[in-house]
């Protein structure tokens, strides 16, 4: 059972590495690791919630009908032009500003790729 004073389980180094790559955050510092442990303790509270007999929802807006508008394409085929406006791109994608660690190089990204 979850307890606010219960110490978090040991977090394996390879999991920390993967989380750092996904979150673009540095968990190797004392403050970063404390933040990660706090997030895990917060998420652990969900284990005490009894969801037996609760059917999963198809949508968070089950009680509303979502009407789609009709869109007419009036311009397009300008991806290359738009990508040139970005400060940072990777393989024809915009790159969001990094977290508290620098973005990896393309070679490093491919090395750690799961594909």
N, C-alpha and C. Protein backbone atom coordinates (compact mmCIF):
# COMPACT_ATOMS: atom_id res chain seq x y z
N UNK A 1 0.84 -1.18 0.00
CA UNK A 1 0.00 0.00 0.00
C UNK A 1 0.88 1.24 0.00
N UNK A 2 0.42 2.30 -0.65
CA UNK A 2 1.18 3.53 -0.78
C UNK A 2 1.21 4.30 0.54
N UNK A 3 2.33 4.91 0.80
CA UNK A 3 2.47 5.76 1.98
C UNK A 3 3.34 6.94 1.61
N UNK A 4 2.99 8.16 2.03
CA UNK A 4 3.80 9.32 1.66
C UNK A 4 5.21 9.26 2.24
N UNK A 5 5.40 8.45 3.27
CA UNK A 5 6.73 8.34 3.88
C UNK A 5 7.50 7.14 3.36
N UNK A 6 6.83 6.28 2.60
CA UNK A 6 7.48 5.08 2.08
C UNK A 6 8.57 5.48 1.08
N UNK A 7 9.78 4.97 1.25
CA UNK A 7 10.82 5.33 0.29
C UNK A 7 10.54 4.69 -1.06
N UNK A 8 10.87 5.39 -2.16
CA UNK A 8 10.61 4.81 -3.48
C UNK A 8 11.54 3.64 -3.74
N UNK A 9 11.08 2.73 -4.60
CA UNK A 9 11.94 1.61 -4.97
C UNK A 9 13.15 2.15 -5.73
N UNK A 10 14.19 1.35 -5.75
CA UNK A 10 15.41 1.72 -6.47
C UNK A 10 15.09 1.82 -7.96
N UNK A 11 15.50 2.90 -8.59
CA UNK A 11 15.25 3.11 -10.01
C UNK A 11 16.48 2.65 -10.77
N UNK A 12 16.35 1.65 -11.65
CA UNK A 12 17.51 1.15 -12.40
C UNK A 12 18.11 2.23 -13.30
N UNK A 13 19.43 2.23 -13.42
CA UNK A 13 20.14 3.25 -14.20
C UNK A 13 19.69 3.26 -15.66
N UNK A 14 19.43 2.08 -16.25
CA UNK A 14 19.02 2.06 -17.65
C UNK A 14 17.64 2.70 -17.84
N UNK A 15 16.76 2.57 -16.84
CA UNK A 15 15.46 3.22 -16.90
C UNK A 15 15.62 4.74 -16.80
N UNK A 16 16.50 5.19 -15.93
CA UNK A 16 16.77 6.62 -15.79
C UNK A 16 17.30 7.17 -17.12
N UNK A 17 18.22 6.43 -17.77
CA UNK A 17 18.75 6.86 -19.06
C UNK A 17 17.64 7.01 -20.10
N UNK A 18 16.76 6.03 -20.16
CA UNK A 18 15.67 6.07 -21.13
C UNK A 18 14.72 7.23 -20.84
N UNK A 19 14.39 7.44 -19.58
CA UNK A 19 13.51 8.54 -19.20
C UNK A 19 14.14 9.89 -19.54
N UNK A 20 15.46 9.99 -19.34
CA UNK A 20 16.16 11.23 -19.69
C UNK A 20 16.04 11.51 -21.18
N UNK A 21 16.22 10.48 -22.00
CA UNK A 21 16.13 10.68 -23.45
C UNK A 21 14.71 11.08 -23.86
N UNK A 22 13.71 10.44 -23.27
CA UNK A 22 12.33 10.73 -23.63
C UNK A 22 11.88 12.10 -23.13
N UNK A 23 12.28 12.46 -21.94
CA UNK A 23 11.81 13.70 -21.32
C UNK A 23 12.73 14.88 -21.58
N UNK A 24 13.90 14.63 -22.14
CA UNK A 24 14.91 15.68 -22.29
C UNK A 24 15.15 16.39 -20.96
N UNK A 25 15.28 15.60 -19.92
CA UNK A 25 15.53 16.13 -18.59
C UNK A 25 16.69 15.37 -17.97
N UNK A 26 17.42 16.03 -17.10
CA UNK A 26 18.58 15.41 -16.45
C UNK A 26 18.18 14.92 -15.07
N UNK A 27 18.11 13.59 -14.91
CA UNK A 27 17.76 13.02 -13.62
C UNK A 27 19.00 12.56 -12.85
N UNK A 28 20.19 12.87 -13.35
CA UNK A 28 21.42 12.43 -12.69
C UNK A 28 21.82 13.37 -11.55
N UNK A 29 21.20 14.53 -11.47
CA UNK A 29 21.50 15.43 -10.37
C UNK A 29 20.64 15.05 -9.17
N UNK A 30 21.02 15.51 -8.00
CA UNK A 30 20.26 15.23 -6.78
C UNK A 30 18.84 15.79 -6.91
N UNK A 31 18.74 17.01 -7.44
CA UNK A 31 17.44 17.65 -7.60
C UNK A 31 16.60 16.92 -8.66
N UNK A 32 17.23 16.52 -9.76
CA UNK A 32 16.50 15.82 -10.82
C UNK A 32 15.98 14.48 -10.36
N UNK A 33 16.80 13.73 -9.62
CA UNK A 33 16.38 12.43 -9.11
C UNK A 33 15.27 12.59 -8.07
N UNK A 34 15.36 13.62 -7.25
CA UNK A 34 14.30 13.88 -6.25
C UNK A 34 12.98 14.18 -6.96
N UNK A 35 13.04 14.92 -8.07
CA UNK A 35 11.84 15.24 -8.83
C UNK A 35 11.24 13.97 -9.43
N UNK A 36 12.08 13.10 -9.97
CA UNK A 36 11.61 11.83 -10.53
C UNK A 36 10.98 10.97 -9.46
N UNK A 37 11.62 10.85 -8.31
CA UNK A 37 11.07 10.04 -7.21
C UNK A 37 9.74 10.60 -6.72
N UNK A 38 9.63 11.94 -6.67
CA UNK A 38 8.38 12.56 -6.25
C UNK A 38 7.26 12.23 -7.25
N UNK A 39 7.57 12.25 -8.54
CA UNK A 39 6.58 11.92 -9.57
C UNK A 39 6.14 10.47 -9.45
N UNK A 40 7.09 9.58 -9.16
CA UNK A 40 6.76 8.16 -9.01
C UNK A 40 5.88 7.95 -7.78
N UNK A 41 6.21 8.61 -6.67
CA UNK A 41 5.37 8.48 -5.46
C UNK A 41 3.95 8.98 -5.74
N UNK A 42 3.84 10.08 -6.50
CA UNK A 42 2.53 10.62 -6.83
C UNK A 42 1.74 9.60 -7.67
N UNK A 43 2.40 9.02 -8.68
CA UNK A 43 1.73 8.05 -9.55
C UNK A 43 1.39 6.77 -8.78
N UNK A 44 2.19 6.40 -7.80
CA UNK A 44 1.93 5.20 -7.01
C UNK A 44 0.60 5.27 -6.27
N UNK A 45 0.11 6.47 -6.02
CA UNK A 45 -1.17 6.62 -5.33
C UNK A 45 -2.31 5.99 -6.13
N UNK A 46 -2.14 5.87 -7.44
CA UNK A 46 -3.19 5.30 -8.27
C UNK A 46 -3.42 3.82 -7.99
N UNK A 47 -2.41 3.16 -7.41
CA UNK A 47 -2.56 1.73 -7.11
C UNK A 47 -3.59 1.46 -6.02
N UNK A 48 -3.91 2.44 -5.18
CA UNK A 48 -4.88 2.21 -4.11
C UNK A 48 -6.32 2.45 -4.57
N UNK A 49 -6.50 2.98 -5.78
CA UNK A 49 -7.84 3.24 -6.29
C UNK A 49 -8.43 1.94 -6.83
N UNK A 50 -9.60 1.58 -6.31
CA UNK A 50 -10.27 0.35 -6.75
C UNK A 50 -11.08 0.65 -8.01
N UNK A 51 -10.63 0.11 -9.14
CA UNK A 51 -11.32 0.33 -10.41
C UNK A 51 -12.05 -0.92 -10.88
N UNK A 52 -12.21 -1.89 -10.01
CA UNK A 52 -12.92 -3.10 -10.41
C UNK A 52 -14.37 -2.75 -10.74
N UNK A 53 -14.85 -3.27 -11.85
CA UNK A 53 -16.22 -2.99 -12.27
C UNK A 53 -16.39 -1.69 -13.03
N UNK A 54 -15.32 -0.97 -13.23
CA UNK A 54 -15.40 0.30 -13.97
C UNK A 54 -15.01 0.03 -15.41
N UNK A 55 -15.93 0.31 -16.33
CA UNK A 55 -15.66 0.10 -17.74
C UNK A 55 -14.79 1.24 -18.28
N UNK A 56 -13.84 0.91 -19.15
CA UNK A 56 -13.03 1.97 -19.75
C UNK A 56 -13.88 2.88 -20.63
N UNK A 57 -13.52 4.14 -20.68
CA UNK A 57 -14.25 5.09 -21.50
C UNK A 57 -13.68 5.10 -22.92
N UNK A 58 -14.55 5.31 -23.89
CA UNK A 58 -14.08 5.46 -25.26
C UNK A 58 -13.56 6.86 -25.49
N UNK A 59 -14.10 7.81 -24.76
CA UNK A 59 -13.72 9.21 -24.92
C UNK A 59 -13.99 9.92 -23.60
N UNK A 60 -13.24 10.96 -23.35
CA UNK A 60 -13.52 11.75 -22.14
C UNK A 60 -14.76 12.61 -22.35
N UNK A 61 -15.23 12.69 -23.59
CA UNK A 61 -16.41 13.48 -23.92
C UNK A 61 -17.56 12.57 -24.35
N UNK A 62 -17.81 11.51 -23.60
CA UNK A 62 -18.83 10.53 -23.99
C UNK A 62 -20.22 11.13 -24.13
N UNK A 63 -20.50 12.18 -23.39
CA UNK A 63 -21.85 12.74 -23.42
C UNK A 63 -22.04 13.79 -24.51
N UNK A 64 -21.05 14.00 -25.37
CA UNK A 64 -21.14 15.02 -26.42
C UNK A 64 -20.85 14.40 -27.79
N UNK A 65 -21.52 14.92 -28.77
CA UNK A 65 -21.22 14.53 -30.15
C UNK A 65 -20.23 15.55 -30.71
N UNK A 66 -19.15 15.08 -31.23
CA UNK A 66 -18.15 15.97 -31.80
C UNK A 66 -18.37 16.06 -33.31
N UNK A 67 -18.80 17.22 -33.75
CA UNK A 67 -19.05 17.43 -35.18
C UNK A 67 -17.78 17.97 -35.83
N UNK A 68 -17.40 17.35 -36.92
CA UNK A 68 -16.22 17.80 -37.64
C UNK A 68 -16.63 18.83 -38.68
N UNK A 69 -15.83 19.86 -38.81
CA UNK A 69 -16.13 20.86 -39.84
C UNK A 69 -15.58 20.38 -41.18
N UNK A 70 -16.11 20.92 -42.22
CA UNK A 70 -15.63 20.60 -43.55
C UNK A 70 -14.51 21.57 -43.88
N UNK A 71 -13.33 21.06 -44.12
CA UNK A 71 -12.20 21.91 -44.46
C UNK A 71 -11.87 21.77 -45.94
N UNK A 72 -11.59 22.87 -46.55
CA UNK A 72 -11.16 22.86 -47.95
C UNK A 72 -9.72 23.33 -47.99
N UNK A 73 -8.84 22.51 -48.54
CA UNK A 73 -7.43 22.85 -48.64
C UNK A 73 -7.27 23.93 -49.70
N UNK A 74 -6.70 25.07 -49.30
CA UNK A 74 -6.50 26.17 -50.26
C UNK A 74 -5.04 26.40 -50.56
N UNK A 75 -4.16 25.82 -49.75
CA UNK A 75 -2.72 25.98 -49.95
C UNK A 75 -2.05 24.74 -49.39
N UNK A 76 -0.87 24.47 -49.85
CA UNK A 76 -0.18 23.30 -49.33
C UNK A 76 1.12 23.06 -50.06
N UNK A 77 1.69 21.88 -49.83
CA UNK A 77 2.95 21.48 -50.44
C UNK A 77 4.06 22.50 -50.15
N UNK A 78 4.11 22.95 -48.89
CA UNK A 78 5.11 23.95 -48.54
C UNK A 78 5.90 23.53 -47.30
N UNK A 79 6.00 22.22 -47.05
CA UNK A 79 6.69 21.72 -45.86
C UNK A 79 8.13 22.19 -45.81
N UNK A 80 8.83 22.12 -46.93
CA UNK A 80 10.24 22.52 -46.96
C UNK A 80 10.41 23.99 -46.58
N UNK A 81 9.53 24.82 -47.11
CA UNK A 81 9.57 26.26 -46.81
C UNK A 81 9.32 26.51 -45.32
N UNK A 82 8.35 25.81 -44.76
CA UNK A 82 8.03 25.98 -43.34
C UNK A 82 9.15 25.48 -42.44
N UNK A 83 9.76 24.35 -42.80
CA UNK A 83 10.85 23.81 -41.99
C UNK A 83 12.05 24.74 -41.97
N UNK A 84 12.24 25.51 -43.02
CA UNK A 84 13.36 26.47 -43.04
C UNK A 84 13.17 27.59 -42.03
N UNK A 85 11.95 27.80 -41.60
CA UNK A 85 11.67 28.84 -40.60
C UNK A 85 12.05 28.39 -39.19
N UNK A 86 12.23 27.09 -39.01
CA UNK A 86 12.54 26.55 -37.69
C UNK A 86 14.03 26.67 -37.39
N UNK A 87 14.32 26.90 -36.14
CA UNK A 87 15.71 26.99 -35.69
C UNK A 87 16.36 25.62 -35.66
N UNK A 88 15.55 24.57 -35.37
CA UNK A 88 16.08 23.23 -35.19
C UNK A 88 15.10 22.21 -35.76
N UNK A 89 15.58 21.36 -36.68
CA UNK A 89 14.76 20.29 -37.24
C UNK A 89 15.55 18.99 -37.25
N UNK A 90 14.84 17.89 -37.22
CA UNK A 90 15.44 16.56 -37.34
C UNK A 90 14.56 15.75 -38.27
N UNK A 91 15.13 15.27 -39.35
CA UNK A 91 14.41 14.42 -40.30
C UNK A 91 13.04 14.97 -40.66
N UNK A 92 12.99 16.20 -41.10
CA UNK A 92 11.76 16.87 -41.56
C UNK A 92 10.70 17.02 -40.47
N UNK A 93 11.15 17.15 -39.22
CA UNK A 93 10.26 17.43 -38.10
C UNK A 93 10.77 18.63 -37.34
N UNK A 94 9.86 19.45 -36.83
CA UNK A 94 10.25 20.55 -35.94
C UNK A 94 10.75 19.95 -34.64
N UNK A 95 11.74 20.57 -34.03
CA UNK A 95 12.25 20.13 -32.74
C UNK A 95 11.86 21.18 -31.71
N UNK A 96 11.18 20.73 -30.66
CA UNK A 96 10.76 21.64 -29.60
C UNK A 96 11.99 22.07 -28.81
N UNK A 97 11.90 23.21 -28.14
CA UNK A 97 13.04 23.63 -27.31
C UNK A 97 13.38 22.54 -26.31
N UNK A 98 14.67 22.30 -26.08
CA UNK A 98 15.06 21.22 -25.17
C UNK A 98 14.70 21.53 -23.72
N UNK A 99 14.70 20.45 -22.92
CA UNK A 99 14.49 20.61 -21.49
C UNK A 99 15.77 21.13 -20.87
N UNK A 100 16.23 20.50 -19.82
CA UNK A 100 17.42 21.01 -19.14
C UNK A 100 18.70 20.28 -19.57
N UNK A 101 18.63 19.50 -20.65
CA UNK A 101 19.84 18.89 -21.21
C UNK A 101 19.85 19.15 -22.71
N UNK A 102 21.02 19.20 -23.32
CA UNK A 102 21.08 19.48 -24.76
C UNK A 102 20.52 18.32 -25.58
N UNK A 103 20.03 18.66 -26.77
CA UNK A 103 19.53 17.62 -27.66
C UNK A 103 20.67 16.74 -28.12
N UNK A 104 20.42 15.44 -28.28
CA UNK A 104 21.47 14.55 -28.75
C UNK A 104 21.73 14.79 -30.23
N UNK A 105 22.89 14.36 -30.67
CA UNK A 105 23.22 14.47 -32.08
C UNK A 105 22.40 13.43 -32.85
N UNK A 106 22.32 13.58 -34.15
CA UNK A 106 21.57 12.63 -34.97
C UNK A 106 22.15 11.22 -34.81
N UNK A 107 23.48 11.10 -34.79
CA UNK A 107 24.11 9.79 -34.65
C UNK A 107 23.72 9.14 -33.32
N UNK A 108 23.70 9.93 -32.25
CA UNK A 108 23.33 9.40 -30.94
C UNK A 108 21.86 9.00 -30.92
N UNK A 109 21.01 9.76 -31.60
CA UNK A 109 19.59 9.42 -31.65
C UNK A 109 19.37 8.10 -32.37
N UNK A 110 20.07 7.90 -33.46
CA UNK A 110 19.92 6.65 -34.21
C UNK A 110 20.47 5.48 -33.44
N UNK A 111 21.54 5.71 -32.66
CA UNK A 111 22.14 4.64 -31.86
C UNK A 111 21.16 4.12 -30.81
N UNK A 112 20.40 5.05 -30.21
CA UNK A 112 19.48 4.68 -29.14
C UNK A 112 18.07 4.41 -29.66
N UNK A 113 17.87 4.44 -30.96
CA UNK A 113 16.56 4.22 -31.52
C UNK A 113 16.08 2.81 -31.27
N UNK A 114 14.78 2.67 -30.99
CA UNK A 114 14.20 1.35 -30.75
C UNK A 114 13.69 0.74 -32.04
N UNK A 115 13.81 1.44 -33.15
CA UNK A 115 13.28 0.93 -34.42
C UNK A 115 14.33 0.19 -35.18
